[in-house]
Amino acid sequence: MAQLIRKPKAVIFDMDGLLIESEKHYRDSFLAASDEGGHGMEVEVYQRVCGSPWDVITQTILTEYGRDFPMEAFREAWLRHLAIQMADGVALKAGVVEILDLLDELGLPRAIATSSQHNSVQRHLGPFDLIPRFNHIVARGDYDQPKPSPMPYLTAAKLLGIDPRDCIALEDSYHGVQSAYSAGTQTVMVPDVAPATDIMREKCVAICDSLFDVATLLKTA
């Protein structure tokens, strides 16, 4: 297994696709909206924009499909399908509780840096009583520029009082990895709906199949 560059002093988590099983719902509802509108989008389109805020997604789609693409109708359909898929709640990713228990044992502070808004964090993590287990929650509105900008991770590291170079960032998306890498963190990708690519491997200190593998990495740091 890959080794960390230096012993970590903090861990920063993404949320969607990393802590919760939400990205598959976003992906499937995205494709359903595409089918409904006859847009013919392939899953690779979603893989490129997953983990991104709406304005970044909008710009990507308009660039690829033209300025006359019916964004508002597409967004309405996407959200409608998403609401149906998430009606019964969103499950935690495997290994979340275990890795938080390990961080307690190691005495490592931790934060969340997400593209989602605070109310989304509350809605998805609140039922599992996980929010108190993080020292800080950095969500949309807490930084000026979204992922792939480094600002979400720089903001989280600043709140933790830890140099970004001494933080491990856990991400599942391409824009998230770019954000964490640009911030100077030791970036670990745990792929979800978007597979690891050669570019991602260049930016990450490790690619892990699950949070259990991340825990093993932390134990050997």
Protein backbone atom coordinates (compact mmCIF):
# COMPACT_ATOMS: atom_id res chain seq x y z
CA MET A 1 0.00 0.00 0.00
CA ALA A 2 1.10 3.58 -0.66
CA GLN A 3 2.66 5.56 2.17
CA LEU A 4 1.80 9.07 3.29
CA ILE A 5 4.40 11.76 2.70
CA ARG A 6 4.30 12.90 6.32
CA LYS A 7 2.44 11.98 9.49
CA PRO A 8 -0.96 13.71 9.35
CA LYS A 9 -2.13 16.21 11.94
CA ALA A 10 -5.73 16.43 10.68
CA VAL A 11 -8.14 14.85 8.20
CA ILE A 12 -10.53 16.75 5.92
CA PHE A 13 -13.45 14.85 4.42
CA ASP A 14 -15.60 15.52 1.40
CA MET A 15 -19.24 14.54 2.01
CA ASP A 16 -21.16 13.41 -1.09
CA GLY A 17 -19.84 10.11 -2.36
CA LEU A 18 -17.28 9.95 0.44
CA LEU A 19 -19.29 9.93 3.66
CA ILE A 20 -22.72 9.24 2.18
CA GLU A 21 -24.07 7.15 -0.70
CA SER A 22 -25.47 10.19 -2.51
CA GLU A 23 -23.47 10.36 -5.73
CA LYS A 24 -25.11 7.29 -7.23
CA HIS A 25 -28.48 9.00 -6.71
CA TYR A 26 -27.21 12.22 -8.31
CA ARG A 27 -25.80 10.21 -11.21
CA ASP A 28 -28.89 8.11 -11.84
CA SER A 29 -31.25 11.10 -11.60
CA PHE A 30 -28.93 13.11 -13.90
CA LEU A 31 -29.12 10.36 -16.52
CA ALA A 32 -32.88 10.00 -16.04
CA ALA A 33 -33.31 13.73 -16.67
CA SER A 34 -31.14 13.42 -19.77
CA ASP A 35 -33.26 10.55 -21.05
CA GLU A 36 -36.45 12.43 -20.29
CA GLY A 37 -35.28 15.44 -22.28
CA GLY A 38 -33.73 13.39 -25.07
CA HIS A 39 -30.28 14.91 -24.49
CA GLY A 40 -28.31 11.68 -24.89
CA MET A 41 -25.80 12.37 -22.10
CA GLU A 42 -23.36 9.60 -21.25
CA VAL A 43 -22.29 8.72 -17.72
CA GLU A 44 -18.84 10.24 -18.42
CA VAL A 45 -20.45 13.68 -18.47
CA TYR A 46 -21.70 13.21 -14.95
CA GLN A 47 -18.38 11.77 -13.80
CA ARG A 48 -16.66 14.99 -14.84
CA VAL A 49 -19.03 17.25 -12.92
CA CYS A 50 -19.79 15.15 -9.84
CA GLY A 51 -18.89 16.89 -6.62
CA SER A 52 -19.37 20.31 -8.22
CA PRO A 53 -21.82 23.11 -7.36
CA TRP A 54 -24.61 23.98 -9.76
CA ASP A 55 -22.85 26.93 -11.44
CA VAL A 56 -19.87 24.74 -12.36
CA ILE A 57 -22.16 22.00 -13.67
CA THR A 58 -24.12 24.57 -15.69
CA GLN A 59 -21.00 26.00 -17.29
CA THR A 60 -19.73 22.53 -18.21
CA ILE A 61 -23.01 21.48 -19.83
CA LEU A 62 -23.46 24.77 -21.72
CA THR A 63 -19.90 24.52 -23.02
CA GLU A 64 -20.43 20.98 -24.27
CA TYR A 65 -24.04 21.16 -25.46
CA GLY A 66 -24.39 24.80 -26.51
CA ARG A 67 -25.82 27.94 -24.98
CA ASP A 68 -29.33 27.01 -26.11
CA PHE A 69 -29.37 23.89 -23.92
CA PRO A 70 -32.55 24.03 -21.76
CA MET A 71 -30.76 24.18 -18.40
CA GLU A 72 -33.74 25.15 -16.28
CA ALA A 73 -35.93 22.35 -17.62
CA PHE A 74 -33.05 19.89 -17.21
CA ARG A 75 -32.43 21.04 -13.64
CA GLU A 76 -36.12 20.71 -12.76
CA ALA A 77 -36.21 17.16 -14.12
CA TRP A 78 -32.96 16.25 -12.37
CA LEU A 79 -34.19 17.51 -9.00
CA ARG A 80 -37.55 15.79 -9.46
CA HIS A 81 -35.92 12.42 -10.12
CA LEU A 82 -33.45 13.04 -7.29
CA ALA A 83 -36.20 13.73 -4.77
CA ILE A 84 -37.81 10.41 -5.63
CA GLN A 85 -34.52 8.52 -5.25
CA MET A 86 -33.66 10.19 -1.93
CA ALA A 87 -37.15 10.00 -0.46
CA ASP A 88 -36.12 7.28 1.99
CA GLY A 89 -32.90 8.99 3.02
CA VAL A 90 -29.28 8.39 2.07
CA ALA A 91 -27.11 5.67 3.56
CA LEU A 92 -23.67 6.15 5.05
CA LYS A 93 -20.69 4.85 3.11
CA ALA A 94 -19.10 1.75 4.59
CA GLY A 95 -16.39 2.49 7.13
CA VAL A 96 -17.48 6.01 8.16
CA VAL A 97 -18.07 5.25 11.82
CA GLU A 98 -14.98 3.08 12.01
CA ILE A 99 -12.66 5.75 10.61
CA LEU A 100 -14.10 8.39 12.95
CA ASP A 101 -13.52 5.99 15.86
CA LEU A 102 -9.91 5.60 14.69
CA LEU A 103 -9.42 9.37 14.52
CA ASP A 104 -10.68 9.58 18.10
CA GLU A 105 -8.10 6.99 19.11
CA LEU A 106 -5.33 8.84 17.26
CA GLY A 107 -6.43 12.21 18.62
CA LEU A 108 -6.66 13.71 15.13
CA PRO A 109 -9.02 16.64 14.50
CA ARG A 110 -11.21 16.52 11.43
CA ALA A 111 -13.41 18.69 9.24
CA ILE A 112 -15.78 18.41 6.30
CA ALA A 113 -15.22 20.47 3.13
CA THR A 114 -18.24 20.03 0.89
CA SER A 115 -19.82 21.69 -2.15
CA SER A 116 -23.22 21.12 -0.57
CA GLN A 117 -24.95 23.67 1.64
CA HIS A 118 -25.17 23.46 5.42
CA ASN A 119 -28.82 22.40 5.34
CA SER A 120 -27.84 19.45 3.16
CA VAL A 121 -25.15 18.44 5.65
CA GLN A 122 -27.70 18.61 8.45
CA ARG A 123 -30.26 16.62 6.48
CA HIS A 124 -27.91 13.81 5.51
CA LEU A 125 -25.58 13.51 8.51
CA GLY A 126 -27.89 14.70 11.27
CA PRO A 127 -29.93 11.47 11.45
CA PHE A 128 -26.72 9.53 12.12
CA ASP A 129 -25.60 11.98 14.85
CA LEU A 130 -22.29 12.45 13.05
CA ILE A 131 -22.07 16.24 12.92
CA PRO A 132 -20.76 16.56 16.52
CA ARG A 133 -17.92 14.23 15.57
CA PHE A 134 -16.37 16.87 13.29
CA ASN A 135 -14.50 19.91 14.58
CA HIS A 136 -15.65 22.06 11.68
CA ILE A 137 -18.11 21.89 8.79
CA VAL A 138 -17.14 23.95 5.72
CA ALA A 139 -20.01 24.12 3.24
CA ARG A 140 -21.17 26.23 0.30
CA GLY A 141 -21.26 29.84 1.43
CA ASP A 142 -18.22 29.51 3.69
CA TYR A 143 -15.75 30.16 0.85
CA ASP A 144 -15.62 32.45 -2.16
CA GLN A 145 -14.72 29.94 -4.87
CA PRO A 146 -16.05 26.36 -5.09
CA LYS A 147 -14.20 23.19 -6.00
CA PRO A 148 -12.03 22.74 -8.07
CA SER A 149 -10.67 25.91 -6.45
CA PRO A 150 -8.51 25.15 -3.38
CA MET A 151 -10.59 27.51 -1.22
CA PRO A 152 -12.82 24.87 0.46
CA TYR A 153 -9.78 22.95 1.70
CA LEU A 154 -7.77 26.04 2.56
CA THR A 155 -10.73 27.28 4.60
CA ALA A 156 -11.07 23.96 6.42
CA ALA A 157 -7.34 23.79 7.19
CA LYS A 158 -7.38 27.36 8.50
CA LEU A 159 -10.29 26.61 10.82
CA LEU A 160 -8.48 23.52 12.08
CA GLY A 161 -5.34 25.59 12.62
CA ILE A 162 -3.27 23.05 10.67
CA ASP A 163 -0.98 23.65 7.69
CA PRO A 164 -2.68 22.12 4.62
CA ARG A 165 0.48 20.10 3.96
CA ASP A 166 -0.12 18.32 7.28
CA CYS A 167 -3.72 17.50 6.41
CA ILE A 168 -5.03 14.44 4.63
CA ALA A 169 -7.92 15.24 2.29
CA LEU A 170 -10.31 12.45 1.34
CA GLU A 171 -12.11 12.87 -1.98
CA ASP A 172 -14.08 10.84 -4.51
CA SER A 173 -14.52 13.29 -7.42
CA TYR A 174 -12.19 14.80 -10.00
CA HIS A 175 -12.98 18.41 -9.06
CA GLY A 176 -12.63 17.49 -5.40
CA VAL A 177 -9.21 15.94 -5.93
CA GLN A 178 -8.10 19.02 -7.87
CA SER A 179 -9.34 21.26 -5.06
CA ALA A 180 -7.54 19.30 -2.35
CA TYR A 181 -4.36 18.94 -4.43
CA SER A 182 -4.27 22.65 -5.22
CA ALA A 183 -4.61 23.43 -1.53
CA GLY A 184 -1.42 21.47 -0.89
CA THR A 185 -2.95 18.64 1.13
CA GLN A 186 -1.95 15.01 1.03
CA THR A 187 -4.85 13.96 -1.17
CA VAL A 188 -6.35 10.48 -1.06
CA MET A 189 -8.99 9.48 -3.62
CA VAL A 190 -11.65 6.96 -2.66
CA PRO A 191 -13.42 6.53 -6.03
CA ASP A 192 -17.19 6.29 -6.10
CA VAL A 193 -19.09 6.96 -9.36
CA ALA A 194 -15.99 8.34 -11.10
CA PRO A 195 -13.06 5.91 -11.52
CA ALA A 196 -9.48 6.91 -10.78
CA THR A 197 -7.55 8.11 -13.82
CA ASP A 198 -3.85 8.60 -14.46
CA ILE A 199 -4.29 12.33 -13.80
CA MET A 200 -5.91 11.57 -10.44
CA ARG A 201 -3.09 9.19 -9.53
CA GLU A 202 -0.57 11.93 -10.23
CA LYS A 203 -2.34 14.28 -7.82
CA CYS A 204 -2.95 11.76 -5.02
CA VAL A 205 -0.64 10.18 -2.49
CA ALA A 206 -2.90 7.12 -2.56
CA ILE A 207 -5.99 5.66 -4.23
CA CYS A 208 -8.04 3.64 -1.74
CA ASP A 209 -10.92 1.30 -2.48
CA SER A 210 -12.77 2.17 0.73
CA LEU A 211 -12.59 4.10 3.99
CA PHE A 212 -11.37 0.89 5.59
CA ASP A 213 -8.28 1.12 3.37
CA VAL A 214 -7.87 4.77 4.37
CA ALA A 215 -7.95 3.66 8.01
CA THR A 216 -5.14 1.19 7.32
CA LEU A 217 -3.15 3.98 5.68
CA LEU A 218 -3.61 6.16 8.77
CA LYS A 219 -2.58 3.37 11.13
CA THR A 220 0.72 2.92 9.30
CA ALA A 221 1.51 6.65 8.98
